[in-house]
Amino acid sequence: MTEYRRILLVEDDPLLSELLEMCLVAEGLDVDHAGDGLAALRKLDEGEFNLIVLDLMMPFMDGFAFLKQLAATPGEKPPVLVLSANTDAQTAERARKCGAAAVARKPVNHEEFVALVLSLVEPGQDEA
């Protein structure tokens, strides 16, 4: 595990990526970005992450294909938080079955998003 908390943000919307990154950096998290699933797989080959925040609807390789590839990759994997506009019950259940630790809906409430990220980055840590 890295000494600091490192997040891989996989999101194809540059504006949303920037806003989410600002929220996470403000909490002391280090954020790296990938615009699609293929780029995210390359980032995972380059370094270690404590959490992946994953959009489902992306070009080149969508979130479900990414989750399938991640599951087939040997070794320890970081938890995945799926963040998508399409989070009906079936989609959320499919994401969990594919390995997502949690699913959140866009548009995101930034306080709830940060709290969820922190709970996944630091499991078992109670907030005061």
N, C-alpha and C. Protein backbone atom coordinates (compact mmCIF):
# COMPACT_ATOMS: atom_id res chain seq x y z
N MET A 1 0.85 -1.19 0.00
CA MET A 1 0.00 0.00 0.00
C MET A 1 0.88 1.24 0.00
N THR A 2 0.49 2.26 -0.74
CA THR A 2 1.27 3.48 -0.78
C THR A 2 1.15 4.23 0.54
N GLU A 3 2.16 5.09 0.84
CA GLU A 3 2.16 5.85 2.08
C GLU A 3 1.06 6.91 2.08
N TYR A 4 0.77 7.45 0.92
CA TYR A 4 -0.30 8.43 0.80
C TYR A 4 -1.49 7.78 0.11
N ARG A 5 -2.59 8.47 0.09
CA ARG A 5 -3.80 7.92 -0.48
C ARG A 5 -3.91 8.37 -1.94
N ARG A 6 -3.82 7.41 -2.85
CA ARG A 6 -3.77 7.70 -4.28
C ARG A 6 -5.03 7.16 -4.96
N ILE A 7 -5.70 8.03 -5.71
CA ILE A 7 -6.95 7.70 -6.38
C ILE A 7 -6.73 7.72 -7.88
N LEU A 8 -7.30 6.73 -8.59
CA LEU A 8 -7.35 6.76 -10.05
C LEU A 8 -8.77 7.13 -10.43
N LEU A 9 -8.93 8.30 -11.02
CA LEU A 9 -10.23 8.81 -11.45
C LEU A 9 -10.38 8.50 -12.94
N VAL A 10 -11.34 7.64 -13.27
CA VAL A 10 -11.56 7.22 -14.65
C VAL A 10 -12.87 7.86 -15.11
N GLU A 11 -12.75 8.96 -15.83
CA GLU A 11 -13.91 9.78 -16.22
C GLU A 11 -13.59 10.47 -17.54
N ASP A 12 -14.51 10.40 -18.51
CA ASP A 12 -14.26 11.00 -19.81
C ASP A 12 -14.71 12.45 -19.92
N ASP A 13 -15.43 12.96 -18.95
CA ASP A 13 -15.87 14.36 -18.97
C ASP A 13 -14.80 15.22 -18.28
N PRO A 14 -14.07 16.05 -19.04
CA PRO A 14 -12.96 16.81 -18.45
C PRO A 14 -13.40 17.77 -17.34
N LEU A 15 -14.55 18.41 -17.50
CA LEU A 15 -15.02 19.35 -16.47
C LEU A 15 -15.35 18.61 -15.18
N LEU A 16 -16.08 17.52 -15.29
CA LEU A 16 -16.41 16.74 -14.09
C LEU A 16 -15.15 16.19 -13.44
N SER A 17 -14.21 15.72 -14.26
CA SER A 17 -12.95 15.21 -13.73
C SER A 17 -12.24 16.27 -12.91
N GLU A 18 -12.20 17.48 -13.45
CA GLU A 18 -11.53 18.58 -12.75
C GLU A 18 -12.22 18.90 -11.43
N LEU A 19 -13.55 18.94 -11.43
CA LEU A 19 -14.29 19.23 -10.20
C LEU A 19 -14.09 18.14 -9.14
N LEU A 20 -14.18 16.88 -9.56
CA LEU A 20 -13.98 15.78 -8.61
C LEU A 20 -12.55 15.77 -8.08
N GLU A 21 -11.60 16.02 -8.96
CA GLU A 21 -10.21 16.06 -8.52
C GLU A 21 -10.00 17.16 -7.48
N MET A 22 -10.59 18.33 -7.70
CA MET A 22 -10.45 19.43 -6.72
C MET A 22 -11.00 19.02 -5.36
N CYS A 23 -12.16 18.33 -5.35
CA CYS A 23 -12.74 17.87 -4.08
C CYS A 23 -11.82 16.89 -3.37
N LEU A 24 -11.22 15.99 -4.12
CA LEU A 24 -10.38 14.95 -3.52
C LEU A 24 -9.03 15.50 -3.08
N VAL A 25 -8.44 16.37 -3.87
CA VAL A 25 -7.16 16.98 -3.51
C VAL A 25 -7.32 17.82 -2.24
N ALA A 26 -8.47 18.48 -2.10
CA ALA A 26 -8.73 19.28 -0.90
C ALA A 26 -8.74 18.41 0.36
N GLU A 27 -8.97 17.11 0.21
CA GLU A 27 -8.97 16.17 1.33
C GLU A 27 -7.61 15.50 1.52
N GLY A 28 -6.61 15.97 0.78
CA GLY A 28 -5.27 15.42 0.92
C GLY A 28 -5.01 14.17 0.10
N LEU A 29 -5.86 13.91 -0.87
CA LEU A 29 -5.69 12.73 -1.71
C LEU A 29 -4.90 13.10 -2.97
N ASP A 30 -4.10 12.16 -3.43
CA ASP A 30 -3.38 12.32 -4.69
C ASP A 30 -4.25 11.70 -5.78
N VAL A 31 -4.52 12.45 -6.86
CA VAL A 31 -5.44 11.99 -7.89
C VAL A 31 -4.73 11.91 -9.22
N ASP A 32 -4.87 10.76 -9.87
CA ASP A 32 -4.40 10.58 -11.24
C ASP A 32 -5.65 10.36 -12.08
N HIS A 33 -5.59 10.70 -13.37
CA HIS A 33 -6.77 10.68 -14.21
C HIS A 33 -6.55 9.83 -15.45
N ALA A 34 -7.63 9.14 -15.85
CA ALA A 34 -7.67 8.43 -17.13
C ALA A 34 -9.02 8.73 -17.77
N GLY A 35 -9.03 8.95 -19.07
CA GLY A 35 -10.26 9.32 -19.77
C GLY A 35 -11.09 8.16 -20.28
N ASP A 36 -10.58 6.94 -20.16
CA ASP A 36 -11.33 5.75 -20.58
C ASP A 36 -10.71 4.52 -19.92
N GLY A 37 -11.37 3.39 -20.10
CA GLY A 37 -10.90 2.16 -19.46
C GLY A 37 -9.54 1.68 -19.92
N LEU A 38 -9.24 1.85 -21.21
CA LEU A 38 -7.92 1.44 -21.71
C LEU A 38 -6.81 2.25 -21.07
N ALA A 39 -7.01 3.56 -21.00
CA ALA A 39 -6.01 4.42 -20.36
C ALA A 39 -5.88 4.07 -18.88
N ALA A 40 -6.99 3.71 -18.24
CA ALA A 40 -6.95 3.34 -16.83
C ALA A 40 -6.14 2.07 -16.61
N LEU A 41 -6.28 1.09 -17.49
CA LEU A 41 -5.49 -0.13 -17.36
C LEU A 41 -4.01 0.16 -17.48
N ARG A 42 -3.65 1.08 -18.38
CA ARG A 42 -2.23 1.47 -18.51
C ARG A 42 -1.74 2.14 -17.23
N LYS A 43 -2.57 3.00 -16.64
CA LYS A 43 -2.19 3.68 -15.39
C LYS A 43 -1.97 2.65 -14.28
N LEU A 44 -2.81 1.62 -14.23
CA LEU A 44 -2.65 0.60 -13.19
C LEU A 44 -1.35 -0.17 -13.37
N ASP A 45 -0.90 -0.31 -14.61
CA ASP A 45 0.40 -0.96 -14.86
C ASP A 45 1.56 -0.09 -14.39
N GLU A 46 1.35 1.22 -14.34
CA GLU A 46 2.40 2.17 -14.00
C GLU A 46 2.56 2.41 -12.50
N GLY A 47 1.53 2.12 -11.71
CA GLY A 47 1.64 2.44 -10.29
C GLY A 47 0.52 1.85 -9.46
N GLU A 48 0.61 2.10 -8.19
CA GLU A 48 -0.32 1.55 -7.20
C GLU A 48 -1.34 2.61 -6.81
N PHE A 49 -2.59 2.18 -6.64
CA PHE A 49 -3.67 3.08 -6.26
C PHE A 49 -4.43 2.49 -5.08
N ASN A 50 -4.99 3.36 -4.26
CA ASN A 50 -5.79 2.92 -3.12
C ASN A 50 -7.26 2.77 -3.47
N LEU A 51 -7.70 3.43 -4.56
CA LEU A 51 -9.10 3.40 -4.98
C LEU A 51 -9.19 3.80 -6.44
N ILE A 52 -10.16 3.20 -7.13
CA ILE A 52 -10.50 3.61 -8.49
C ILE A 52 -11.92 4.17 -8.46
N VAL A 53 -12.09 5.39 -8.95
CA VAL A 53 -13.41 5.98 -9.14
C VAL A 53 -13.70 5.85 -10.63
N LEU A 54 -14.75 5.11 -10.99
CA LEU A 54 -14.97 4.66 -12.36
C LEU A 54 -16.32 5.09 -12.91
N ASP A 55 -16.29 5.81 -14.03
CA ASP A 55 -17.50 6.08 -14.81
C ASP A 55 -17.83 4.82 -15.59
N LEU A 56 -19.10 4.61 -15.90
CA LEU A 56 -19.48 3.44 -16.68
C LEU A 56 -19.51 3.71 -18.18
N MET A 57 -20.03 4.87 -18.56
CA MET A 57 -20.21 5.17 -19.99
C MET A 57 -19.04 6.02 -20.49
N MET A 58 -18.09 5.33 -21.16
CA MET A 58 -16.89 5.99 -21.68
C MET A 58 -16.57 5.43 -23.05
N PRO A 59 -15.80 6.17 -23.84
CA PRO A 59 -15.38 5.66 -25.15
C PRO A 59 -14.27 4.61 -24.99
N PHE A 60 -14.02 3.86 -26.06
CA PHE A 60 -12.94 2.88 -26.20
C PHE A 60 -13.14 1.65 -25.32
N MET A 61 -13.29 1.81 -24.02
CA MET A 61 -13.57 0.71 -23.12
C MET A 61 -14.45 1.25 -22.00
N ASP A 62 -15.69 0.76 -21.94
CA ASP A 62 -16.60 1.27 -20.92
C ASP A 62 -16.26 0.69 -19.55
N GLY A 63 -16.99 1.15 -18.54
CA GLY A 63 -16.70 0.74 -17.17
C GLY A 63 -16.88 -0.75 -16.92
N PHE A 64 -17.89 -1.36 -17.55
CA PHE A 64 -18.10 -2.79 -17.33
C PHE A 64 -16.97 -3.61 -17.95
N ALA A 65 -16.52 -3.23 -19.14
CA ALA A 65 -15.39 -3.93 -19.75
C ALA A 65 -14.13 -3.74 -18.91
N PHE A 66 -13.96 -2.54 -18.35
CA PHE A 66 -12.82 -2.29 -17.47
C PHE A 66 -12.89 -3.20 -16.24
N LEU A 67 -14.06 -3.29 -15.61
CA LEU A 67 -14.21 -4.14 -14.42
C LEU A 67 -13.89 -5.60 -14.76
N LYS A 68 -14.31 -6.05 -15.94
CA LYS A 68 -14.02 -7.42 -16.36
C LYS A 68 -12.51 -7.63 -16.52
N GLN A 69 -11.84 -6.69 -17.16
CA GLN A 69 -10.39 -6.78 -17.33
C GLN A 69 -9.67 -6.73 -15.99
N LEU A 70 -10.13 -5.85 -15.11
CA LEU A 70 -9.52 -5.72 -13.79
C LEU A 70 -9.64 -7.04 -13.02
N ALA A 71 -10.81 -7.66 -13.08
CA ALA A 71 -11.03 -8.92 -12.38
C ALA A 71 -10.10 -10.02 -12.90
N ALA A 72 -9.77 -9.97 -14.19
CA ALA A 72 -8.92 -10.99 -14.80
C ALA A 72 -7.44 -10.74 -14.55
N THR A 73 -7.11 -9.59 -14.00
CA THR A 73 -5.72 -9.23 -13.74
C THR A 73 -5.27 -9.86 -12.43
N PRO A 74 -4.13 -10.56 -12.44
CA PRO A 74 -3.66 -11.17 -11.19
C PRO A 74 -3.18 -10.12 -10.19
N GLY A 75 -3.18 -10.51 -8.95
CA GLY A 75 -2.67 -9.62 -7.90
C GLY A 75 -3.75 -8.88 -7.16
N GLU A 76 -3.29 -8.12 -6.17
CA GLU A 76 -4.19 -7.33 -5.35
C GLU A 76 -4.74 -6.16 -6.15
N LYS A 77 -6.02 -5.88 -5.97
CA LYS A 77 -6.68 -4.80 -6.71
C LYS A 77 -7.29 -3.80 -5.74
N PRO A 78 -7.26 -2.53 -6.11
CA PRO A 78 -7.91 -1.53 -5.24
C PRO A 78 -9.43 -1.64 -5.37
N PRO A 79 -10.15 -1.18 -4.36
CA PRO A 79 -11.61 -1.15 -4.49
C PRO A 79 -12.01 -0.18 -5.60
N VAL A 80 -13.21 -0.40 -6.15
CA VAL A 80 -13.73 0.43 -7.23
C VAL A 80 -15.04 1.05 -6.79
N LEU A 81 -15.11 2.37 -6.92
CA LEU A 81 -16.34 3.13 -6.71
C LEU A 81 -16.86 3.51 -8.08
N VAL A 82 -18.00 2.95 -8.47
CA VAL A 82 -18.63 3.31 -9.74
C VAL A 82 -19.43 4.59 -9.52
N LEU A 83 -19.20 5.54 -10.40
CA LEU A 83 -19.88 6.84 -10.36
C LEU A 83 -20.50 7.04 -11.73
N SER A 84 -21.85 6.94 -11.82
CA SER A 84 -22.49 6.97 -13.12
C SER A 84 -23.87 7.62 -13.06
N ALA A 85 -24.27 8.21 -14.18
CA ALA A 85 -25.62 8.75 -14.30
C ALA A 85 -26.63 7.62 -14.42
N ASN A 86 -26.19 6.46 -14.86
CA ASN A 86 -27.05 5.31 -15.06
C ASN A 86 -26.89 4.36 -13.87
N THR A 87 -27.60 4.64 -12.79
CA THR A 87 -27.47 3.78 -11.60
C THR A 87 -28.83 3.25 -11.15
N ASP A 88 -29.62 2.75 -12.11
CA ASP A 88 -30.84 2.07 -11.71
C ASP A 88 -30.45 0.80 -10.96
N ALA A 89 -31.41 0.14 -10.38
CA ALA A 89 -31.11 -1.02 -9.53
C ALA A 89 -30.38 -2.12 -10.31
N GLN A 90 -30.77 -2.37 -11.55
CA GLN A 90 -30.11 -3.41 -12.34
C GLN A 90 -28.66 -3.06 -12.65
N THR A 91 -28.42 -1.80 -13.01
CA THR A 91 -27.06 -1.37 -13.33
C THR A 91 -26.18 -1.44 -12.09
N ALA A 92 -26.71 -0.97 -10.97
CA ALA A 92 -25.95 -1.00 -9.72
C ALA A 92 -25.62 -2.44 -9.32
N GLU A 93 -26.58 -3.33 -9.45
CA GLU A 93 -26.34 -4.74 -9.11
C GLU A 93 -25.32 -5.36 -10.06
N ARG A 94 -25.41 -5.05 -11.34
CA ARG A 94 -24.44 -5.56 -12.31
C ARG A 94 -23.03 -5.06 -11.97
N ALA A 95 -22.92 -3.78 -11.61
CA ALA A 95 -21.61 -3.21 -11.25
C ALA A 95 -21.04 -3.93 -10.04
N ARG A 96 -21.86 -4.20 -9.04
CA ARG A 96 -21.39 -4.91 -7.85
C ARG A 96 -20.97 -6.34 -8.19
N LYS A 97 -21.74 -7.01 -9.03
CA LYS A 97 -21.39 -8.37 -9.44
C LYS A 97 -20.09 -8.39 -10.22
N CYS A 98 -19.79 -7.29 -10.90
CA CYS A 98 -18.54 -7.19 -11.67
C CYS A 98 -17.37 -6.77 -10.80
N GLY A 99 -17.62 -6.50 -9.52
CA GLY A 99 -16.52 -6.21 -8.61
C GLY A 99 -16.51 -4.83 -7.97
N ALA A 100 -17.49 -3.99 -8.28
CA ALA A 100 -17.51 -2.66 -7.67
C ALA A 100 -17.80 -2.76 -6.17
N ALA A 101 -17.05 -2.01 -5.38
CA ALA A 101 -17.26 -1.97 -3.93
C ALA A 101 -18.46 -1.10 -3.58
N ALA A 102 -18.73 -0.08 -4.40
CA ALA A 102 -19.83 0.84 -4.15
C ALA A 102 -20.25 1.48 -5.46
N VAL A 103 -21.48 1.99 -5.47
CA VAL A 103 -22.03 2.66 -6.65
C VAL A 103 -22.66 3.96 -6.19
N ALA A 104 -22.34 5.06 -6.89
CA ALA A 104 -22.91 6.38 -6.57
C ALA A 104 -23.45 7.00 -7.85
N ARG A 105 -24.44 7.85 -7.70
CA ARG A 105 -25.14 8.45 -8.83
C ARG A 105 -24.62 9.85 -9.14
N LYS A 106 -24.52 10.13 -10.44
CA LYS A 106 -24.27 11.50 -10.92
C LYS A 106 -25.63 12.14 -11.14
N PRO A 107 -25.82 13.41 -10.93
CA PRO A 107 -24.83 14.32 -10.38
C PRO A 107 -24.56 14.00 -8.92
N VAL A 108 -23.34 14.22 -8.52
CA VAL A 108 -22.89 13.81 -7.21
C VAL A 108 -22.91 14.98 -6.23
N ASN A 109 -23.35 14.70 -5.01
CA ASN A 109 -23.22 15.66 -3.92
C ASN A 109 -21.78 15.54 -3.44
N HIS A 110 -21.05 16.64 -3.50
CA HIS A 110 -19.60 16.52 -3.26
C HIS A 110 -19.26 16.08 -1.85
N GLU A 111 -20.04 16.49 -0.84
CA GLU A 111 -19.75 16.04 0.53
C GLU A 111 -19.97 14.53 0.68
N GLU A 112 -21.07 14.03 0.10
CA GLU A 112 -21.33 12.59 0.17
C GLU A 112 -20.29 11.81 -0.63
N PHE A 113 -19.89 12.35 -1.77
CA PHE A 113 -18.88 11.70 -2.60
C PHE A 113 -17.56 11.58 -1.84
N VAL A 114 -17.11 12.67 -1.24
CA VAL A 114 -15.85 12.66 -0.50
C VAL A 114 -15.94 11.69 0.68
N ALA A 115 -17.05 11.70 1.39
CA ALA A 115 -17.21 10.78 2.53
C ALA A 115 -17.15 9.32 2.06
N LEU A 116 -17.79 9.02 0.93
CA LEU A 116 -17.76 7.66 0.41
C LEU A 116 -16.34 7.27 -0.02
N VAL A 117 -15.67 8.17 -0.71
CA VAL A 117 -14.28 7.90 -1.12
C VAL A 117 -13.41 7.63 0.10
N LEU A 118 -13.50 8.48 1.11
CA LEU A 118 -12.68 8.30 2.30
C LEU A 118 -13.00 6.99 3.01
N SER A 119 -14.26 6.59 3.02
CA SER A 119 -14.62 5.31 3.66
C SER A 119 -14.03 4.12 2.91
N LEU A 120 -13.85 4.26 1.61
CA LEU A 120 -13.27 3.17 0.82
C LEU A 120 -11.75 3.19 0.84
N VAL A 121 -11.16 4.37 0.95
CA VAL A 121 -9.71 4.49 1.01
C VAL A 121 -9.18 4.06 2.37
N GLU A 122 -9.95 4.33 3.39
CA GLU A 122 -9.56 4.01 4.76
C GLU A 122 -10.62 3.15 5.42
N PRO A 123 -10.84 1.92 4.93
CA PRO A 123 -11.86 1.09 5.51
C PRO A 123 -11.61 0.83 6.99
N GLY A 124 -12.70 0.84 7.75
CA GLY A 124 -12.59 0.58 9.18
C GLY A 124 -12.23 1.80 10.00
N GLN A 125 -11.98 2.92 9.36
CA GLN A 125 -11.65 4.15 10.09
C GLN A 125 -12.94 4.88 10.43
N ASP A 126 -13.19 5.11 11.68
CA ASP A 126 -14.36 5.88 12.11
C ASP A 126 -14.02 7.34 12.08
N GLU A 127 -14.94 8.14 11.52
CA GLU A 127 -14.72 9.58 11.53
C GLU A 127 -15.24 10.15 12.82
N ALA A 128 -14.52 11.12 13.35
CA ALA A 128 -14.90 11.73 14.62
C ALA A 128 -16.05 12.68 14.45
